[in-house]
């Protein structure tokens, strides 16, 4: 038995951070802690580069809220 196509997580969305721009100020972590984490070393970590589609609205909010415009969502066909 196969899952319906809509339920399959194809990983098409990819979170891309420009670490040259990122200041690790944790705005994104406050919005999407399941995807972003600033650790004690003051560096931003992307916990899930290919998050589920249901997080897209939350991640879009993180993108527009980033004070350095360092986050992008791209479609990843690989």
PDB file of N, CA and C in Angstrom:
ATOM      1  N   UNK A   1       0.847  -1.187   0.000  1.00  0.00           N
ATOM      2  CA  UNK A   1       0.000   0.000   0.000  1.00  0.00           C
ATOM      3  C   UNK A   1       0.886   1.241   0.000  1.00  0.00           C
ATOM      4  N   UNK A   2       0.579   2.185  -0.830  1.00  0.00           N
ATOM      5  CA  UNK A   2       1.364   3.405  -0.956  1.00  0.00           C
ATOM      6  C   UNK A   2       0.632   4.583  -0.340  1.00  0.00           C
ATOM      7  N   UNK A   3       1.413   5.513   0.222  1.00  0.00           N
ATOM      8  CA  UNK A   3       0.828   6.739   0.773  1.00  0.00           C
ATOM      9  C   UNK A   3       0.419   7.644  -0.376  1.00  0.00           C
ATOM     10  N   UNK A   4      -0.637   8.428  -0.186  1.00  0.00           N
ATOM     11  CA  UNK A   4      -1.014   9.381  -1.233  1.00  0.00           C
ATOM     12  C   UNK A   4       0.116  10.373  -1.490  1.00  0.00           C
ATOM     13  N   UNK A   5       0.208  10.846  -2.700  1.00  0.00           N
ATOM     14  CA  UNK A   5       1.299  11.744  -3.082  1.00  0.00           C
ATOM     15  C   UNK A   5       1.366  12.979  -2.202  1.00  0.00           C
ATOM     16  N   UNK A   6       0.235  13.504  -1.776  1.00  0.00           N
ATOM     17  CA  UNK A   6       0.222  14.714  -0.954  1.00  0.00           C
ATOM     18  C   UNK A   6       0.859  14.479   0.407  1.00  0.00           C
ATOM     19  N   UNK A   7       0.864  13.257   0.877  1.00  0.00           N
ATOM     20  CA  UNK A   7       1.406  12.959   2.198  1.00  0.00           C
ATOM     21  C   UNK A   7       2.896  12.651   2.164  1.00  0.00           C
ATOM     22  N   UNK A   8       3.456  12.514   0.984  1.00  0.00           N
ATOM     23  CA  UNK A   8       4.866  12.177   0.855  1.00  0.00           C
ATOM     24  C   UNK A   8       5.709  13.439   1.016  1.00  0.00           C
ATOM     25  N   UNK A   9       6.706  13.374   1.902  1.00  0.00           N
ATOM     26  CA  UNK A   9       7.615  14.504   2.102  1.00  0.00           C
ATOM     27  C   UNK A   9       8.773  14.343   1.134  1.00  0.00           C
ATOM     28  N   UNK A  10       8.732  15.098   0.034  1.00  0.00           N
ATOM     29  CA  UNK A  10       9.755  14.937  -0.991  1.00  0.00           C
ATOM     30  C   UNK A  10      10.988  15.794  -0.737  1.00  0.00           C
ATOM     31  N   UNK A  11      10.990  16.568   0.359  1.00  0.00           N
ATOM     32  CA  UNK A  11      12.163  17.362   0.694  1.00  0.00           C
ATOM     33  C   UNK A  11      12.471  18.454  -0.307  1.00  0.00           C
ATOM     34  N   UNK A  12      11.443  18.924  -1.028  1.00  0.00           N
ATOM     35  CA  UNK A  12      11.685  19.893  -2.090  1.00  0.00           C
ATOM     36  C   UNK A  12      12.113  21.261  -1.570  1.00  0.00           C
ATOM     37  N   UNK A  13      11.696  21.617  -0.359  1.00  0.00           N
ATOM     38  CA  UNK A  13      12.064  22.922   0.188  1.00  0.00           C
ATOM     39  C   UNK A  13      13.390  22.790   0.929  1.00  0.00           C
ATOM     40  N   UNK A  14      14.275  23.750   0.686  1.00  0.00           N
ATOM     41  CA  UNK A  14      15.571  23.736   1.360  1.00  0.00           C
ATOM     42  C   UNK A  14      15.811  25.091   2.014  1.00  0.00           C
ATOM     43  N   UNK A  15      16.292  25.061   3.256  1.00  0.00           N
ATOM     44  CA  UNK A  15      16.646  26.279   3.982  1.00  0.00           C
ATOM     45  C   UNK A  15      18.107  26.589   3.685  1.00  0.00           C
ATOM     46  N   UNK A  16      18.361  27.809   3.219  1.00  0.00           N
ATOM     47  CA  UNK A  16      19.724  28.236   2.905  1.00  0.00           C
ATOM     48  C   UNK A  16      20.033  29.479   3.731  1.00  0.00           C
ATOM     49  N   UNK A  17      21.149  29.440   4.450  1.00  0.00           N
ATOM     50  CA  UNK A  17      21.585  30.578   5.252  1.00  0.00           C
ATOM     51  C   UNK A  17      22.910  31.083   4.702  1.00  0.00           C
ATOM     52  N   UNK A  18      22.994  32.380   4.474  1.00  0.00           N
ATOM     53  CA  UNK A  18      24.255  33.009   4.083  1.00  0.00           C
ATOM     54  C   UNK A  18      24.988  33.355   5.376  1.00  0.00           C
ATOM     55  N   UNK A  19      25.924  32.507   5.753  1.00  0.00           N
ATOM     56  CA  UNK A  19      26.621  32.681   7.028  1.00  0.00           C
ATOM     57  C   UNK A  19      27.569  33.883   7.021  1.00  0.00           C
ATOM     58  N   UNK A  20      27.860  34.431   5.844  1.00  0.00           N
ATOM     59  CA  UNK A  20      28.640  35.670   5.790  1.00  0.00           C
ATOM     60  C   UNK A  20      27.798  36.860   6.242  1.00  0.00           C
ATOM     61  N   UNK A  21      26.491  36.778   6.052  1.00  0.00           N
ATOM     62  CA  UNK A  21      25.579  37.842   6.482  1.00  0.00           C
ATOM     63  C   UNK A  21      25.027  37.615   7.888  1.00  0.00           C
ATOM     64  N   UNK A  22      24.854  36.356   8.254  1.00  0.00           N
ATOM     65  CA  UNK A  22      24.192  36.002   9.517  1.00  0.00           C
ATOM     66  C   UNK A  22      24.966  36.532  10.721  1.00  0.00           C
ATOM     67  N   UNK A  23      24.231  37.159  11.634  1.00  0.00           N
ATOM     68  CA  UNK A  23      24.815  37.657  12.886  1.00  0.00           C
ATOM     69  C   UNK A  23      24.442  36.783  14.082  1.00  0.00           C
ATOM     70  N   UNK A  24      23.776  35.670  13.842  1.00  0.00           N
ATOM     71  CA  UNK A  24      23.363  34.736  14.902  1.00  0.00           C
ATOM     72  C   UNK A  24      22.595  35.440  16.016  1.00  0.00           C
ATOM     73  N   UNK A  25      21.672  36.315  15.622  1.00  0.00           N
ATOM     74  CA  UNK A  25      20.911  37.054  16.627  1.00  0.00           C
ATOM     75  C   UNK A  25      19.673  36.310  17.116  1.00  0.00           C
ATOM     76  N   UNK A  26      19.404  35.144  16.573  1.00  0.00           N
ATOM     77  CA  UNK A  26      18.379  34.208  17.044  1.00  0.00           C
ATOM     78  C   UNK A  26      16.943  34.631  16.769  1.00  0.00           C
ATOM     79  N   UNK A  27      16.723  35.605  15.911  1.00  0.00           N
ATOM     80  CA  UNK A  27      15.349  35.944  15.543  1.00  0.00           C
ATOM     81  C   UNK A  27      14.685  34.727  14.894  1.00  0.00           C
ATOM     82  N   UNK A  28      15.386  34.079  13.989  1.00  0.00           N
ATOM     83  CA  UNK A  28      14.845  32.899  13.309  1.00  0.00           C
ATOM     84  C   UNK A  28      14.564  31.767  14.294  1.00  0.00           C
ATOM     85  N   UNK A  29      15.430  31.599  15.277  1.00  0.00           N
ATOM     86  CA  UNK A  29      15.237  30.557  16.280  1.00  0.00           C
ATOM     87  C   UNK A  29      13.973  30.824  17.095  1.00  0.00           C
ATOM     88  N   UNK A  30      13.697  32.083  17.374  1.00  0.00           N
ATOM     89  CA  UNK A  30      12.481  32.423  18.096  1.00  0.00           C
ATOM     90  C   UNK A  30      11.227  32.098  17.312  1.00  0.00           C
ATOM     91  N   UNK A  31      11.323  32.155  15.993  1.00  0.00           N
ATOM     92  CA  UNK A  31      10.177  31.887  15.123  1.00  0.00           C
ATOM     93  C   UNK A  31      10.058  30.400  14.800  1.00  0.00           C
ATOM     94  N   UNK A  32      11.178  29.749  14.514  1.00  0.00           N
ATOM     95  CA  UNK A  32      11.172  28.339  14.090  1.00  0.00           C
ATOM     96  C   UNK A  32      12.257  27.553  14.823  1.00  0.00           C
ATOM     97  N   UNK A  33      12.074  27.308  16.127  1.00  0.00           N
ATOM     98  CA  UNK A  33      13.108  26.603  16.895  1.00  0.00           C
ATOM     99  C   UNK A  33      13.326  25.158  16.464  1.00  0.00           C
ATOM    100  N   UNK A  34      12.376  24.607  15.726  1.00  0.00           N
ATOM    101  CA  UNK A  34      12.552  23.246  15.235  1.00  0.00           C
ATOM    102  C   UNK A  34      13.499  23.189  14.043  1.00  0.00           C
ATOM    103  N   UNK A  35      13.843  24.353  13.482  1.00  0.00           N
ATOM    104  CA  UNK A  35      14.731  24.407  12.316  1.00  0.00           C
ATOM    105  C   UNK A  35      16.038  25.134  12.617  1.00  0.00           C
ATOM    106  N   UNK A  36      15.981  26.172  13.459  1.00  0.00           N
ATOM    107  CA  UNK A  36      17.158  26.997  13.734  1.00  0.00           C
ATOM    108  C   UNK A  36      17.535  26.934  15.211  1.00  0.00           C
ATOM    109  N   UNK A  37      18.850  26.954  15.468  1.00  0.00           N
ATOM    110  CA  UNK A  37      19.330  26.980  16.851  1.00  0.00           C
ATOM    111  C   UNK A  37      20.626  27.786  16.928  1.00  0.00           C
ATOM    112  N   UNK A  38      20.663  28.737  17.851  1.00  0.00           N
ATOM    113  CA  UNK A  38      21.905  29.442  18.162  1.00  0.00           C
ATOM    114  C   UNK A  38      22.414  28.830  19.457  1.00  0.00           C
ATOM    115  N   UNK A  39      23.613  28.282  19.388  1.00  0.00           N
ATOM    116  CA  UNK A  39      24.168  27.562  20.543  1.00  0.00           C
ATOM    117  C   UNK A  39      25.084  28.453  21.363  1.00  0.00           C
ATOM    118  N   UNK A  40      25.618  27.893  22.427  1.00  0.00           N
ATOM    119  CA  UNK A  40      26.482  28.637  23.345  1.00  0.00           C
ATOM    120  C   UNK A  40      27.715  29.222  22.661  1.00  0.00           C
ATOM    121  N   UNK A  41      28.097  28.648  21.516  1.00  0.00           N
ATOM    122  CA  UNK A  41      29.248  29.181  20.774  1.00  0.00           C
ATOM    123  C   UNK A  41      28.867  30.396  19.918  1.00  0.00           C
ATOM    124  N   UNK A  42      27.603  30.835  20.032  1.00  0.00           N
ATOM    125  CA  UNK A  42      27.072  31.996  19.301  1.00  0.00           C
ATOM    126  C   UNK A  42      27.033  31.810  17.786  1.00  0.00           C
ATOM    127  N   UNK A  43      26.936  30.575  17.337  1.00  0.00           N
ATOM    128  CA  UNK A  43      26.775  30.293  15.917  1.00  0.00           C
ATOM    129  C   UNK A  43      25.380  29.737  15.667  1.00  0.00           C
ATOM    130  N   UNK A  44      24.826  30.083  14.512  1.00  0.00           N
ATOM    131  CA  UNK A  44      23.534  29.556  14.098  1.00  0.00           C
ATOM    132  C   UNK A  44      23.726  28.185  13.464  1.00  0.00           C
ATOM    133  N   UNK A  45      22.864  27.261  13.830  1.00  0.00           N
ATOM    134  CA  UNK A  45      22.848  25.926  13.246  1.00  0.00           C
ATOM    135  C   UNK A  45      21.488  25.691  12.614  1.00  0.00           C
ATOM    136  N   UNK A  46      21.490  25.137  11.409  1.00  0.00           N
ATOM    137  CA  UNK A  46      20.254  24.736  10.753  1.00  0.00           C
ATOM    138  C   UNK A  46      20.041  23.274  11.126  1.00  0.00           C
ATOM    139  N   UNK A  47      19.011  23.018  11.909  1.00  0.00           N
ATOM    140  CA  UNK A  47      18.758  21.675  12.412  1.00  0.00           C
ATOM    141  C   UNK A  47      18.115  20.773  11.367  1.00  0.00           C
ATOM    142  N   UNK A  48      17.392  21.368  10.442  1.00  0.00           N
ATOM    143  CA  UNK A  48      16.704  20.594   9.408  1.00  0.00           C
ATOM    144  C   UNK A  48      16.739  21.392   8.110  1.00  0.00           C
ATOM    145  N   UNK A  49      17.663  21.035   7.230  1.00  0.00           N
ATOM    146  CA  UNK A  49      17.810  21.730   5.948  1.00  0.00           C
ATOM    147  C   UNK A  49      16.620  21.516   5.032  1.00  0.00           C
ATOM    148  N   UNK A  50      15.944  20.400   5.200  1.00  0.00           N
ATOM    149  CA  UNK A  50      14.789  20.035   4.372  1.00  0.00           C
ATOM    150  C   UNK A  50      13.579  19.823   5.276  1.00  0.00           C
ATOM    151  N   UNK A  51      13.052  20.896   5.851  1.00  0.00           N
ATOM    152  CA  UNK A  51      11.927  20.754   6.774  1.00  0.00           C
ATOM    153  C   UNK A  51      10.644  20.360   6.040  1.00  0.00           C
ATOM    154  N   UNK A  52       9.681  19.844   6.785  1.00  0.00           N
ATOM    155  CA  UNK A  52       8.412  19.463   6.156  1.00  0.00           C
ATOM    156  C   UNK A  52       7.657  20.684   5.624  1.00  0.00           C
ATOM    157  N   UNK A  53       6.875  20.436   4.612  1.00  0.00           N
ATOM    158  CA  UNK A  53       6.126  21.500   3.932  1.00  0.00           C
ATOM    159  C   UNK A  53       5.213  22.274   4.883  1.00  0.00           C
ATOM    160  N   UNK A  54       4.699  21.633   5.908  1.00  0.00           N
ATOM    161  CA  UNK A  54       3.791  22.333   6.824  1.00  0.00           C
ATOM    162  C   UNK A  54       4.485  23.455   7.596  1.00  0.00           C
ATOM    163  N   UNK A  55       5.811  23.469   7.598  1.00  0.00           N
ATOM    164  CA  UNK A  55       6.549  24.557   8.251  1.00  0.00           C
ATOM    165  C   UNK A  55       6.797  25.750   7.321  1.00  0.00           C
ATOM    166  N   UNK A  56       6.394  25.648   6.059  1.00  0.00           N
ATOM    167  CA  UNK A  56       6.673  26.720   5.100  1.00  0.00           C
ATOM    168  C   UNK A  56       6.188  28.092   5.584  1.00  0.00           C
ATOM    169  N   UNK A  57       4.950  28.249   6.060  1.00  0.00           N
ATOM    170  CA  UNK A  57       4.525  29.588   6.513  1.00  0.00           C
ATOM    171  C   UNK A  57       5.387  30.131   7.659  1.00  0.00           C
ATOM    172  N   UNK A  58       5.765  29.269   8.578  1.00  0.00           N
ATOM    173  CA  UNK A  58       6.630  29.676   9.692  1.00  0.00           C
ATOM    174  C   UNK A  58       8.000  30.088   9.178  1.00  0.00           C
ATOM    175  N   UNK A  59       8.540  29.318   8.251  1.00  0.00           N
ATOM    176  CA  UNK A  59       9.857  29.629   7.702  1.00  0.00           C
ATOM    177  C   UNK A  59       9.832  30.889   6.845  1.00  0.00           C
ATOM    178  N   UNK A  60       8.744  31.111   6.142  1.00  0.00           N
ATOM    179  CA  UNK A  60       8.623  32.358   5.381  1.00  0.00           C
ATOM    180  C   UNK A  60       8.642  33.555   6.328  1.00  0.00           C
ATOM    181  N   UNK A  61       8.030  33.391   7.503  1.00  0.00           N
ATOM    182  CA  UNK A  61       8.075  34.454   8.510  1.00  0.00           C
ATOM    183  C   UNK A  61       9.509  34.664   9.000  1.00  0.00           C
ATOM    184  N   UNK A  62      10.251  33.580   9.196  1.00  0.00           N
ATOM    185  CA  UNK A  62      11.653  33.694   9.617  1.00  0.00           C
ATOM    186  C   UNK A  62      12.481  34.412   8.552  1.00  0.00           C
ATOM    187  N   UNK A  63      12.212  34.113   7.289  1.00  0.00           N
ATOM    188  CA  UNK A  63      12.941  34.756   6.188  1.00  0.00           C
ATOM    189  C   UNK A  63      12.725  36.265   6.210  1.00  0.00           C
ATOM    190  N   UNK A  64      11.477  36.700   6.294  1.00  0.00           N
ATOM    191  CA  UNK A  64      11.205  38.142   6.243  1.00  0.00           C
ATOM    192  C   UNK A  64      11.581  38.850   7.536  1.00  0.00           C
ATOM    193  N   UNK A  65      11.727  38.105   8.623  1.00  0.00           N
ATOM    194  CA  UNK A  65      12.074  38.708   9.913  1.00  0.00           C
ATOM    195  C   UNK A  65      13.570  38.804  10.151  1.00  0.00           C
ATOM    196  N   UNK A  66      14.361  38.117   9.353  1.00  0.00           N
ATOM    197  CA  UNK A  66      15.812  38.134   9.545  1.00  0.00           C
ATOM    198  C   UNK A  66      16.345  39.549   9.311  1.00  0.00           C
ATOM    199  N   UNK A  67      16.963  40.154  10.329  1.00  0.00           N
ATOM    200  CA  UNK A  67      17.439  41.532  10.185  1.00  0.00           C
ATOM    201  C   UNK A  67      18.560  41.701   9.157  1.00  0.00           C
ATOM    202  N   UNK A  68      19.243  40.625   8.808  1.00  0.00           N
ATOM    203  CA  UNK A  68      20.338  40.697   7.834  1.00  0.00           C
ATOM    204  C   UNK A  68      19.969  40.078   6.485  1.00  0.00           C
ATOM    205  N   UNK A  69      18.717  39.638   6.342  1.00  0.00           N
ATOM    206  CA  UNK A  69      18.263  38.983   5.101  1.00  0.00           C
ATOM    207  C   UNK A  69      19.200  37.840   4.715  1.00  0.00           C
ATOM    208  N   UNK A  70      19.558  37.038   5.702  1.00  0.00           N
ATOM    209  CA  UNK A  70      20.531  35.964   5.498  1.00  0.00           C
ATOM    210  C   UNK A  70      19.888  34.605   5.215  1.00  0.00           C
ATOM    211  N   UNK A  71      18.567  34.525   5.283  1.00  0.00           N
ATOM    212  CA  UNK A  71      17.877  33.244   5.115  1.00  0.00           C
ATOM    213  C   UNK A  71      17.065  33.262   3.827  1.00  0.00           C
ATOM    214  N   UNK A  72      17.129  32.137   3.108  1.00  0.00           N
ATOM    215  CA  UNK A  72      16.315  31.951   1.907  1.00  0.00           C
ATOM    216  C   UNK A  72      15.692  30.569   1.942  1.00  0.00           C
ATOM    217  N   UNK A  73      14.551  30.443   1.306  1.00  0.00           N
ATOM    218  CA  UNK A  73      13.958  29.141   1.033  1.00  0.00           C
ATOM    219  C   UNK A  73      14.078  28.915  -0.460  1.00  0.00           C
ATOM    220  N   UNK A  74      14.609  27.777  -0.835  1.00  0.00           N
ATOM    221  CA  UNK A  74      14.744  27.451  -2.255  1.00  0.00           C
ATOM    222  C   UNK A  74      14.096  26.104  -2.506  1.00  0.00           C
ATOM    223  N   UNK A  75      13.686  25.904  -3.733  1.00  0.00           N
ATOM    224  CA  UNK A  75      13.156  24.607  -4.132  1.00  0.00           C
ATOM    225  C   UNK A  75      14.338  23.735  -4.522  1.00  0.00           C
ATOM    226  N   UNK A  76      14.431  22.579  -3.900  1.00  0.00           N
ATOM    227  CA  UNK A  76      15.571  21.684  -4.099  1.00  0.00           C
ATOM    228  C   UNK A  76      15.085  20.435  -4.810  1.00  0.00           C
ATOM    229  N   UNK A  77      15.411  20.324  -6.073  1.00  0.00           N
ATOM    230  CA  UNK A  77      14.961  19.199  -6.880  1.00  0.00           C
ATOM    231  C   UNK A  77      15.913  18.011  -6.831  1.00  0.00           C
ATOM    232  N   UNK A  78      16.992  18.122  -6.056  1.00  0.00           N
ATOM    233  CA  UNK A  78      17.967  17.023  -6.035  1.00  0.00           C
ATOM    234  C   UNK A  78      17.518  15.888  -5.164  1.00  0.00           C
TER     235      UNK A  78
END
